[in-house]
């Protein structure tokens, strides 16, 4: 399948968009970033223009030619099916199930509870103080990481979350570790997670996807 005309609607610090950037890089696919600033102008994701792209008003969205794919995990699986080289899922069904379970642990059980729209609802509707919002985020990341750390003790774990080839599980894990550090979680308390993150970031596909390197990142952002 042609890789021409790939446009990723993204925000530099969105962990869901970060996952997709990693997947695109692992596949060696060229793409153009279409910035959607989640804070500017009341949140550009709420504009009529972007709502026509994604009615959920969330990033990322991937436009391939005239087709738009939404939801980060659906996008990653689309990339894997459209461009099978450098696969993001193992061959065996049981191994694919393990990888998907770890990816979903992050994408469905940890990330939604510390997403921007949740935290802004706490702030704007319930007037929850910053310290309490931060404690909420830390609690759910630490609980999720605790479970994932146990899963990573299984023999199927290798250099990466599963075996010695990066998968969609790693695409989800690395951005969540970035978020964990933002909110003061001690990642060193989860040695398997910390080791895998370091292994991933040694690869250009992961390193080049880092938030601070994106074209819409604020200058001087570290």
Protein backbone atom coordinates (compact mmCIF):
# COMPACT_ATOMS: atom_id res chain seq x y z
CA UNK A 1 0.00 0.00 0.00
CA UNK A 2 1.24 3.49 -0.77
CA UNK A 3 2.45 5.55 2.13
CA UNK A 4 1.75 8.84 0.39
CA UNK A 5 -0.51 11.43 1.99
CA UNK A 6 -0.33 10.40 5.61
CA UNK A 7 -1.41 13.24 7.90
CA UNK A 8 -1.35 12.85 11.67
CA UNK A 9 -3.57 15.21 13.64
CA UNK A 10 -1.54 15.53 16.79
CA UNK A 11 -0.69 17.53 19.89
CA UNK A 12 2.93 17.43 20.98
CA UNK A 13 2.21 16.28 24.54
CA UNK A 14 -0.68 13.93 23.81
CA UNK A 15 0.39 10.46 24.88
CA UNK A 16 -2.12 8.88 22.49
CA UNK A 17 -0.59 10.78 19.57
CA UNK A 18 2.88 9.87 20.90
CA UNK A 19 1.94 6.16 20.55
CA UNK A 20 1.07 6.64 16.91
CA UNK A 21 4.21 8.63 16.16
CA UNK A 22 6.25 5.71 17.49
CA UNK A 23 4.32 3.25 15.33
CA UNK A 24 4.77 5.37 12.21
CA UNK A 25 8.49 5.64 12.93
CA UNK A 26 8.88 1.91 13.54
CA UNK A 27 7.25 1.33 10.16
CA UNK A 28 9.53 3.90 8.53
CA UNK A 29 6.52 5.82 7.21
CA UNK A 30 6.67 9.48 6.24
CA UNK A 31 3.85 11.64 7.54
CA UNK A 32 2.90 15.25 7.98
CA UNK A 33 1.94 16.56 11.41
CA UNK A 34 -1.25 18.61 11.57
CA UNK A 35 -1.09 20.37 14.96
CA UNK A 36 -4.24 20.51 17.07
CA UNK A 37 -3.50 22.57 20.17
CA UNK A 38 -5.51 21.15 23.05
CA UNK A 39 -5.32 24.33 25.15
CA UNK A 40 -5.21 27.24 22.71
CA UNK A 41 -8.46 29.00 21.75
CA UNK A 42 -10.38 26.99 24.30
CA UNK A 43 -9.02 23.79 22.77
CA UNK A 44 -8.72 23.54 19.00
CA UNK A 45 -10.04 19.97 19.19
CA UNK A 46 -13.47 21.48 19.91
CA UNK A 47 -13.53 23.56 16.71
CA UNK A 48 -16.08 22.76 14.02
CA UNK A 49 -13.21 22.14 11.62
CA UNK A 50 -11.64 19.47 13.77
CA UNK A 51 -14.96 17.97 14.85
CA UNK A 52 -15.50 17.18 11.17
CA UNK A 53 -12.26 15.16 11.34
CA UNK A 54 -13.05 13.44 14.64
CA UNK A 55 -16.50 13.82 16.21
CA UNK A 56 -15.02 12.73 19.56
CA UNK A 57 -12.90 15.91 19.55
CA UNK A 58 -9.82 13.93 20.52
CA UNK A 59 -6.37 13.43 19.05
CA UNK A 60 -4.89 11.60 17.31
CA UNK A 61 -6.54 11.03 13.98
CA UNK A 62 -4.70 9.70 10.95
CA UNK A 63 -5.73 10.68 7.45
CA UNK A 64 -4.51 8.33 4.74
CA UNK A 65 -5.57 9.78 1.41
CA UNK A 66 -9.30 10.36 1.78
CA UNK A 67 -9.76 7.93 4.69
CA UNK A 68 -9.55 8.97 8.34
CA UNK A 69 -8.74 6.50 11.10
CA UNK A 70 -9.42 7.39 14.72
CA UNK A 71 -8.36 5.97 18.11
CA UNK A 72 -4.66 5.34 18.64
CA UNK A 73 -4.80 1.55 18.95
CA UNK A 74 -7.02 1.26 15.88
CA UNK A 75 -4.52 3.43 14.02
CA UNK A 76 -1.60 1.25 15.13
CA UNK A 77 -3.36 -1.91 14.00
CA UNK A 78 -4.28 -0.24 10.72
CA UNK A 79 -0.62 0.60 10.15
CA UNK A 80 0.31 -3.00 10.92
CA UNK A 81 -2.20 -4.41 8.47
CA UNK A 82 -1.53 -1.87 5.72
CA UNK A 83 2.27 -2.07 6.03
CA UNK A 84 3.14 -5.54 7.39
CA UNK A 85 6.90 -4.98 7.44
CA UNK A 86 8.33 -4.32 10.92
CA UNK A 87 5.24 -5.91 12.53
CA UNK A 88 3.84 -4.38 15.69
CA UNK A 89 2.08 -7.60 16.73
CA UNK A 90 3.52 -11.11 17.13
CA UNK A 91 2.54 -14.00 14.86
CA UNK A 92 1.00 -16.42 17.36
CA UNK A 93 -2.53 -15.66 18.55
CA UNK A 94 -1.66 -16.13 22.23
CA UNK A 95 1.27 -13.73 21.89
CA UNK A 96 -0.87 -11.14 20.11
CA UNK A 97 -3.40 -11.44 22.94
CA UNK A 98 -0.68 -10.80 25.54
CA UNK A 99 0.61 -7.74 23.68
CA UNK A 100 -2.89 -6.34 23.20
CA UNK A 101 -3.68 -6.91 26.90
CA UNK A 102 -0.67 -4.85 27.97
CA UNK A 103 -1.44 -2.13 25.43
CA UNK A 104 -5.05 -1.98 26.64
CA UNK A 105 -3.95 -1.91 30.27
CA UNK A 106 -2.25 1.39 29.50
CA UNK A 107 -4.59 2.83 26.88
CA UNK A 108 -7.91 1.90 28.53
CA UNK A 109 -7.22 1.52 32.25
CA UNK A 110 -4.47 4.05 33.06
CA UNK A 111 -4.51 6.78 30.44
CA UNK A 112 -8.23 7.77 30.44
CA UNK A 113 -8.11 8.51 34.17
CA UNK A 114 -5.33 11.08 33.76
CA UNK A 115 -6.42 12.50 30.43
CA UNK A 116 -6.58 16.27 29.97
CA UNK A 117 -10.37 16.39 29.64
CA UNK A 118 -10.81 14.53 32.94
CA UNK A 119 -8.40 16.82 34.78
CA UNK A 120 -9.99 19.94 33.31
CA UNK A 121 -13.45 18.70 34.38
CA UNK A 122 -12.13 18.24 37.91
CA UNK A 123 -10.71 21.75 37.82
CA UNK A 124 -13.46 23.68 36.05
CA UNK A 125 -16.59 21.87 37.23
CA UNK A 126 -15.70 20.54 40.68
CA UNK A 127 -12.93 23.02 41.60
CA UNK A 128 -10.60 20.21 42.66
CA UNK A 129 -7.28 21.70 43.84
CA UNK A 130 -4.11 21.02 41.86
CA UNK A 131 -2.56 18.87 44.60
CA UNK A 132 -5.60 16.60 44.68
CA UNK A 133 -5.70 16.32 40.90
CA UNK A 134 -2.03 15.34 40.90
CA UNK A 135 -2.63 12.76 43.63
CA UNK A 136 -5.46 11.27 41.54
CA UNK A 137 -3.18 10.89 38.53
CA UNK A 138 -0.35 9.42 40.59
CA UNK A 139 -2.67 6.89 42.22
CA UNK A 140 -4.01 5.45 38.97
CA UNK A 141 -0.64 5.39 37.23
CA UNK A 142 0.99 3.63 40.17
CA UNK A 143 -1.85 1.12 40.44
CA UNK A 144 -1.67 0.35 36.73
CA UNK A 145 2.11 0.20 36.67
CA UNK A 146 2.04 -2.18 39.63
CA UNK A 147 -0.09 -4.63 37.67
CA UNK A 148 1.95 -4.19 34.49
CA UNK A 149 5.18 -4.74 36.40
CA UNK A 150 3.87 -8.14 37.50
CA UNK A 151 2.93 -9.04 33.92
CA UNK A 152 6.42 -8.13 32.80
CA UNK A 153 7.85 -10.76 35.14
CA UNK A 154 6.45 -13.45 32.83
CA UNK A 155 8.97 -15.42 30.73
CA UNK A 156 7.53 -14.02 27.48
CA UNK A 157 9.01 -10.62 28.32
CA UNK A 158 12.31 -9.94 26.59
CA UNK A 159 14.18 -6.79 25.75
CA UNK A 160 10.74 -5.25 25.21
CA UNK A 161 7.30 -5.85 26.69
CA UNK A 162 7.03 -9.04 24.66
CA UNK A 163 10.11 -10.72 23.27
CA UNK A 164 12.90 -8.86 21.56
CA UNK A 165 10.91 -6.85 19.01
CA UNK A 166 8.99 -3.65 19.84
CA UNK A 167 5.22 -4.01 19.74
CA UNK A 168 2.12 -1.91 20.28
CA UNK A 169 2.59 -2.59 24.00
CA UNK A 170 5.86 -0.64 23.91
CA UNK A 171 4.23 2.07 21.79
CA UNK A 172 1.76 2.55 24.65
CA UNK A 173 4.16 2.10 27.55
CA UNK A 174 6.77 4.73 26.68
CA UNK A 175 4.31 7.66 26.45
CA UNK A 176 2.69 6.59 29.72
CA UNK A 177 6.08 6.61 31.43
CA UNK A 178 6.57 10.14 30.09
CA UNK A 179 3.24 11.10 31.70
CA UNK A 180 4.21 9.37 34.93
CA UNK A 181 7.33 11.49 35.26
CA UNK A 182 5.34 14.66 34.50
CA UNK A 183 3.17 13.93 37.53
CA UNK A 184 5.97 12.96 39.89
CA UNK A 185 5.63 9.18 39.85
CA UNK A 186 8.81 7.36 40.90
CA UNK A 187 9.38 5.22 37.81
CA UNK A 188 12.40 3.59 39.47
CA UNK A 189 9.92 1.76 41.70
CA UNK A 190 8.96 -0.27 38.60
CA UNK A 191 12.29 -1.72 37.40
CA UNK A 192 10.94 -3.77 34.46
CA UNK A 193 9.06 -0.74 33.14
CA UNK A 194 12.07 1.53 33.61
CA UNK A 195 14.37 -0.93 31.85
CA UNK A 196 12.06 -1.39 28.87
CA UNK A 197 11.55 2.35 28.50
CA UNK A 198 15.33 2.88 28.38
CA UNK A 199 15.70 0.11 25.81
CA UNK A 200 12.98 1.65 23.66
CA UNK A 201 14.34 5.18 23.83
CA UNK A 202 17.69 3.91 22.58
CA UNK A 203 15.94 3.31 19.24
CA UNK A 204 15.53 6.31 16.90
CA UNK A 205 11.89 5.37 16.25
CA UNK A 206 11.08 6.03 19.91
CA UNK A 207 13.56 8.84 20.53
CA UNK A 208 12.41 10.86 17.51
CA UNK A 209 8.77 10.60 18.67
CA UNK A 210 9.47 12.34 22.00
CA UNK A 211 7.11 15.25 22.70
CA UNK A 212 9.79 17.93 22.94
CA UNK A 213 11.00 17.11 19.41
CA UNK A 214 7.64 17.66 17.70
CA UNK A 215 7.10 20.62 15.37
CA UNK A 216 4.34 22.05 17.57
CA UNK A 217 6.30 21.77 20.85
CA UNK A 218 7.03 25.08 22.56
CA UNK A 219 10.57 26.30 22.00
CA UNK A 220 12.93 25.40 24.78
CA UNK A 221 10.67 22.63 26.05
CA UNK A 222 12.65 19.90 27.80
